[in-house]
Amino acid sequence: MSFVFNKNGMCENPEVLEVHRAGKDIGLVKLAQIPDGSWVYGYQWDIHDGGSSSAAGYNEYRKAYPDRHSALLAALDNGFRHATHYEKWPDAATRKGHRKLKEAIKQYRASLAQTRLSFE
């Protein structure tokens, strides 16, 4: 896939992986290979009444990863940290939604490990 980046280094056509979807709640990981061959990630964590997102891009503030798998694992770790933070939120629906996101991320990581083993 040929990735297109704007003048700010943000990918306009990242590979998008759905990690979680339950009603209006969604967890997406966005991956892109930058011109030097390394990989970056973006994400979208929309749970209950809030969320967080970032484009897949590169600049001096963003870390690049040596391969797609490393970038994907870093994105999943980001989502797990996000969900852990919001599990302590006062609103019960927000806590529940983020617990579900954490569980979905755990399952996604487990399926990645299984897939990698089957190719080795």
C-alpha atoms as a PDB file:
ATOM      1  CA  MET A   1       0.000   0.000   0.000  1.00  0.00           C
ATOM      2  CA  SER A   2       1.261   3.465  -0.840  1.00  0.00           C
ATOM      3  CA  PHE A   3       0.645   5.906   1.991  1.00  0.00           C
ATOM      4  CA  VAL A   4       0.037   9.602   1.309  1.00  0.00           C
ATOM      5  CA  PHE A   5       1.188  12.219   3.827  1.00  0.00           C
ATOM      6  CA  ASN A   6       0.179  15.862   4.018  1.00  0.00           C
ATOM      7  CA  LYS A   7       2.622  18.752   4.516  1.00  0.00           C
ATOM      8  CA  ASN A   8       2.432  18.248   8.310  1.00  0.00           C
ATOM      9  CA  GLY A   9       3.474  14.602   8.100  1.00  0.00           C
ATOM     10  CA  MET A  10       0.011  13.182   8.845  1.00  0.00           C
ATOM     11  CA  CYS A  11      -1.112  10.167   6.809  1.00  0.00           C
ATOM     12  CA  GLU A  12      -4.229  10.779   4.737  1.00  0.00           C
ATOM     13  CA  ASN A  13      -4.878   7.104   3.977  1.00  0.00           C
ATOM     14  CA  PRO A  14      -3.698   4.943   6.889  1.00  0.00           C
ATOM     15  CA  GLU A  15      -4.451   1.268   7.272  1.00  0.00           C
ATOM     16  CA  VAL A  16      -7.339   1.172   9.767  1.00  0.00           C
ATOM     17  CA  LEU A  17      -7.885  -1.793  12.078  1.00  0.00           C
ATOM     18  CA  GLU A  18     -11.031  -2.114  14.167  1.00  0.00           C
ATOM     19  CA  VAL A  19     -10.082  -3.307  17.644  1.00  0.00           C
ATOM     20  CA  HIS A  20     -13.422  -2.749  19.359  1.00  0.00           C
ATOM     21  CA  ARG A  21     -17.015  -1.905  18.444  1.00  0.00           C
ATOM     22  CA  ALA A  22     -19.986  -2.074  20.799  1.00  0.00           C
ATOM     23  CA  GLY A  23     -22.934   0.185  20.055  1.00  0.00           C
ATOM     24  CA  LYS A  24     -21.511   3.700  19.723  1.00  0.00           C
ATOM     25  CA  ASP A  25     -18.203   2.708  21.342  1.00  0.00           C
ATOM     26  CA  ILE A  26     -15.312   2.168  18.956  1.00  0.00           C
ATOM     27  CA  GLY A  27     -11.587   1.512  19.115  1.00  0.00           C
ATOM     28  CA  LEU A  28      -9.523   1.958  15.965  1.00  0.00           C
ATOM     29  CA  VAL A  29      -5.796   1.709  15.274  1.00  0.00           C
ATOM     30  CA  LYS A  30      -4.345   3.548  12.277  1.00  0.00           C
ATOM     31  CA  LEU A  31      -0.999   2.417  10.823  1.00  0.00           C
ATOM     32  CA  ALA A  32       1.239   3.900   8.137  1.00  0.00           C
ATOM     33  CA  GLN A  33       4.722   3.290   6.794  1.00  0.00           C
ATOM     34  CA  ILE A  34       6.701   6.523   6.529  1.00  0.00           C
ATOM     35  CA  PRO A  35       9.166   7.263   3.717  1.00  0.00           C
ATOM     36  CA  ASP A  36      12.226   5.985   5.654  1.00  0.00           C
ATOM     37  CA  GLY A  37      10.574   2.538   5.945  1.00  0.00           C
ATOM     38  CA  SER A  38       9.625   2.713   9.623  1.00  0.00           C
ATOM     39  CA  TRP A  39       6.041   2.661  10.916  1.00  0.00           C
ATOM     40  CA  VAL A  40       3.858   5.045  12.931  1.00  0.00           C
ATOM     41  CA  TYR A  41       0.452   4.687  14.500  1.00  0.00           C
ATOM     42  CA  GLY A  42      -2.615   6.735  15.202  1.00  0.00           C
ATOM     43  CA  TYR A  43      -5.747   5.798  17.090  1.00  0.00           C
ATOM     44  CA  GLN A  44      -9.351   6.593  17.842  1.00  0.00           C
ATOM     45  CA  TRP A  45     -10.819   5.597  21.204  1.00  0.00           C
ATOM     46  CA  ASP A  46     -14.445   6.773  21.372  1.00  0.00           C
ATOM     47  CA  ILE A  47     -16.148   5.387  24.452  1.00  0.00           C
ATOM     48  CA  HIS A  48     -19.459   6.583  25.915  1.00  0.00           C
ATOM     49  CA  ASP A  49     -19.406  10.396  25.980  1.00  0.00           C
ATOM     50  CA  GLY A  50     -15.743  11.011  25.297  1.00  0.00           C
ATOM     51  CA  GLY A  51     -12.666   9.818  23.599  1.00  0.00           C
ATOM     52  CA  SER A  52      -9.223  10.483  22.295  1.00  0.00           C
ATOM     53  CA  SER A  53      -7.721  10.332  18.829  1.00  0.00           C
ATOM     54  CA  SER A  54      -4.539  11.001  16.911  1.00  0.00           C
ATOM     55  CA  ALA A  55      -3.615  10.769  13.247  1.00  0.00           C
ATOM     56  CA  ALA A  56      -0.933   8.360  12.071  1.00  0.00           C
ATOM     57  CA  GLY A  57       1.919  10.676  11.263  1.00  0.00           C
ATOM     58  CA  TYR A  58       5.515  11.580  11.805  1.00  0.00           C
ATOM     59  CA  ASN A  59       7.400  14.606  13.058  1.00  0.00           C
ATOM     60  CA  GLU A  60      10.027  15.316  15.690  1.00  0.00           C
ATOM     61  CA  TYR A  61       7.539  14.629  18.512  1.00  0.00           C
ATOM     62  CA  ARG A  62       6.373  11.175  17.406  1.00  0.00           C
ATOM     63  CA  LYS A  63       8.145   7.888  17.748  1.00  0.00           C
ATOM     64  CA  ALA A  64       8.555   5.678  14.690  1.00  0.00           C
ATOM     65  CA  TYR A  65       8.773   1.881  14.980  1.00  0.00           C
ATOM     66  CA  PRO A  66      10.971  -0.502  12.998  1.00  0.00           C
ATOM     67  CA  ASP A  67       8.070  -2.599  11.696  1.00  0.00           C
ATOM     68  CA  ARG A  68       4.281  -2.736  11.424  1.00  0.00           C
ATOM     69  CA  HIS A  69       3.895  -5.216  14.279  1.00  0.00           C
ATOM     70  CA  SER A  70       5.838  -3.020  16.727  1.00  0.00           C
ATOM     71  CA  ALA A  71       3.724   0.016  15.796  1.00  0.00           C
ATOM     72  CA  LEU A  72       0.532  -2.004  16.250  1.00  0.00           C
ATOM     73  CA  LEU A  73       1.602  -3.234  19.692  1.00  0.00           C
ATOM     74  CA  ALA A  74       2.484   0.337  20.728  1.00  0.00           C
ATOM     75  CA  ALA A  75      -0.957   1.525  19.588  1.00  0.00           C
ATOM     76  CA  LEU A  76      -2.659  -1.222  21.587  1.00  0.00           C
ATOM     77  CA  ASP A  77      -0.593  -0.281  24.645  1.00  0.00           C
ATOM     78  CA  ASN A  78      -1.752   3.317  24.170  1.00  0.00           C
ATOM     79  CA  GLY A  79      -5.386   2.177  24.112  1.00  0.00           C
ATOM     80  CA  PHE A  80      -4.885   0.047  27.206  1.00  0.00           C
ATOM     81  CA  ARG A  81      -3.408   3.016  29.116  1.00  0.00           C
ATOM     82  CA  HIS A  82      -6.285   5.218  27.924  1.00  0.00           C
ATOM     83  CA  ALA A  83      -8.873   2.691  29.083  1.00  0.00           C
ATOM     84  CA  THR A  84      -7.119   2.172  32.432  1.00  0.00           C
ATOM     85  CA  HIS A  85      -7.216   5.912  33.096  1.00  0.00           C
ATOM     86  CA  TYR A  86     -10.941   6.173  32.352  1.00  0.00           C
ATOM     87  CA  GLU A  87     -11.841   3.082  34.392  1.00  0.00           C
ATOM     88  CA  LYS A  88     -11.517   5.355  37.421  1.00  0.00           C
ATOM     89  CA  TRP A  89     -13.978   7.920  36.035  1.00  0.00           C
ATOM     90  CA  PRO A  90     -17.013   8.776  38.226  1.00  0.00           C
ATOM     91  CA  ASP A  91     -19.555   7.912  35.513  1.00  0.00           C
ATOM     92  CA  ALA A  92     -20.519   4.205  35.592  1.00  0.00           C
ATOM     93  CA  ALA A  93     -21.227   3.989  31.854  1.00  0.00           C
ATOM     94  CA  THR A  94     -17.796   5.442  31.066  1.00  0.00           C
ATOM     95  CA  ARG A  95     -16.091   2.956  33.387  1.00  0.00           C
ATOM     96  CA  LYS A  96     -18.015   0.048  31.857  1.00  0.00           C
ATOM     97  CA  GLY A  97     -17.205   1.136  28.300  1.00  0.00           C
ATOM     98  CA  HIS A  98     -13.512   1.390  29.064  1.00  0.00           C
ATOM     99  CA  ARG A  99     -13.445  -2.004  30.781  1.00  0.00           C
ATOM    100  CA  LYS A 100     -14.901  -3.431  27.557  1.00  0.00           C
ATOM    101  CA  LEU A 101     -12.238  -1.623  25.517  1.00  0.00           C
ATOM    102  CA  LYS A 102      -9.494  -3.108  27.712  1.00  0.00           C
ATOM    103  CA  GLU A 103     -10.939  -6.583  27.289  1.00  0.00           C
ATOM    104  CA  ALA A 104     -11.169  -6.133  23.510  1.00  0.00           C
ATOM    105  CA  ILE A 105      -7.534  -4.991  23.384  1.00  0.00           C
ATOM    106  CA  LYS A 106      -6.442  -8.036  25.423  1.00  0.00           C
ATOM    107  CA  GLN A 107      -8.318 -10.329  23.021  1.00  0.00           C
ATOM    108  CA  TYR A 108      -6.884  -8.549  19.966  1.00  0.00           C
ATOM    109  CA  ARG A 109      -3.332  -8.914  21.339  1.00  0.00           C
ATOM    110  CA  ALA A 110      -3.958 -12.610  22.043  1.00  0.00           C
ATOM    111  CA  SER A 111      -5.161 -13.151  18.472  1.00  0.00           C
ATOM    112  CA  LEU A 112      -2.045 -11.366  17.155  1.00  0.00           C
ATOM    113  CA  ALA A 113       0.192 -13.664  19.182  1.00  0.00           C
ATOM    114  CA  GLN A 114      -1.664 -16.704  17.876  1.00  0.00           C
ATOM    115  CA  THR A 115      -1.393 -15.466  14.267  1.00  0.00           C
ATOM    116  CA  ARG A 116       2.351 -14.786  14.587  1.00  0.00           C
ATOM    117  CA  LEU A 117       2.915 -18.282  16.000  1.00  0.00           C
ATOM    118  CA  SER A 118       1.067 -19.868  13.101  1.00  0.00           C
ATOM    119  CA  PHE A 119       3.418 -18.181  10.591  1.00  0.00           C
ATOM    120  CA  GLU A 120       6.657 -19.145  12.347  1.00  0.00           C
END
